[in-house]
Amino acid sequence: MAIITDSEKKARANFNKAGIYFWLDSYGDIFSDFDFRPFSKRATSADFLEEAKRASVDKDDKINLQLYVPREKRNIRDETKIKERLHEHFKKHHHLLHKEAKQIRNKGFYFIFFGLLMMVVATLVLFRYQSQSSLYVNFLIVFLEPGGWFFFWEGLRLIIFESKNNQDDLIFYRKMANSTIQFFSE
């Protein structure tokens, strides 16, 4: 039978539904191995982000990220910088993804507007010049009708489907930007 230390009891007591728990060998596990800059500027590890994303899927919006580091490797000043860096990373990427989704939706609305405008112009040309069968009138109709439908349906596709492509990432970064980050040791 394994003996459970007081620190393990405390760590287990801290487990909650909205918690994400990682055991780190060092602070370097959070960051890219290729980036040698100080913790306050270092790039976040793709492995760390992928594990955090996987762990956050079934969590509520208020996440408690608990990072366990061996006691002999802990440094409070580094931890403060790391917390700031992680929050900065999560907020930046949430903002970028939110901005991208908004731009895609706006583009979709513009497409719908121009599609409808082209269809209205095609209808007016047909109504106004219905009796005349000239090359110019036929060309306008052939050009405007399919173009109008294309822009209309492409705009709907952008709004309904394309703007939601990064929804999982957007939710992840929102959760993590609002998370509480804590460091513990055994």
Foldseek 3Di string as FASTA:
>chain_A
DDDQDPQNVVVVVPDDQQEDEEEDAAPCQQFDPPFPDQLLPTHGDPVNLVSLLVVRPRHDLAHAYEYAYAPVRDDVVSVVSNLNNQLVVLVVVLVVLVVVLVVLLVQLVVLLVVLVVLVVVLVVLCVVCVVDDDPVSVVSNVPSNVSSVVSNVVSVCSNPPVSCPCVSVNSSSSSSNNYHYYYHYD
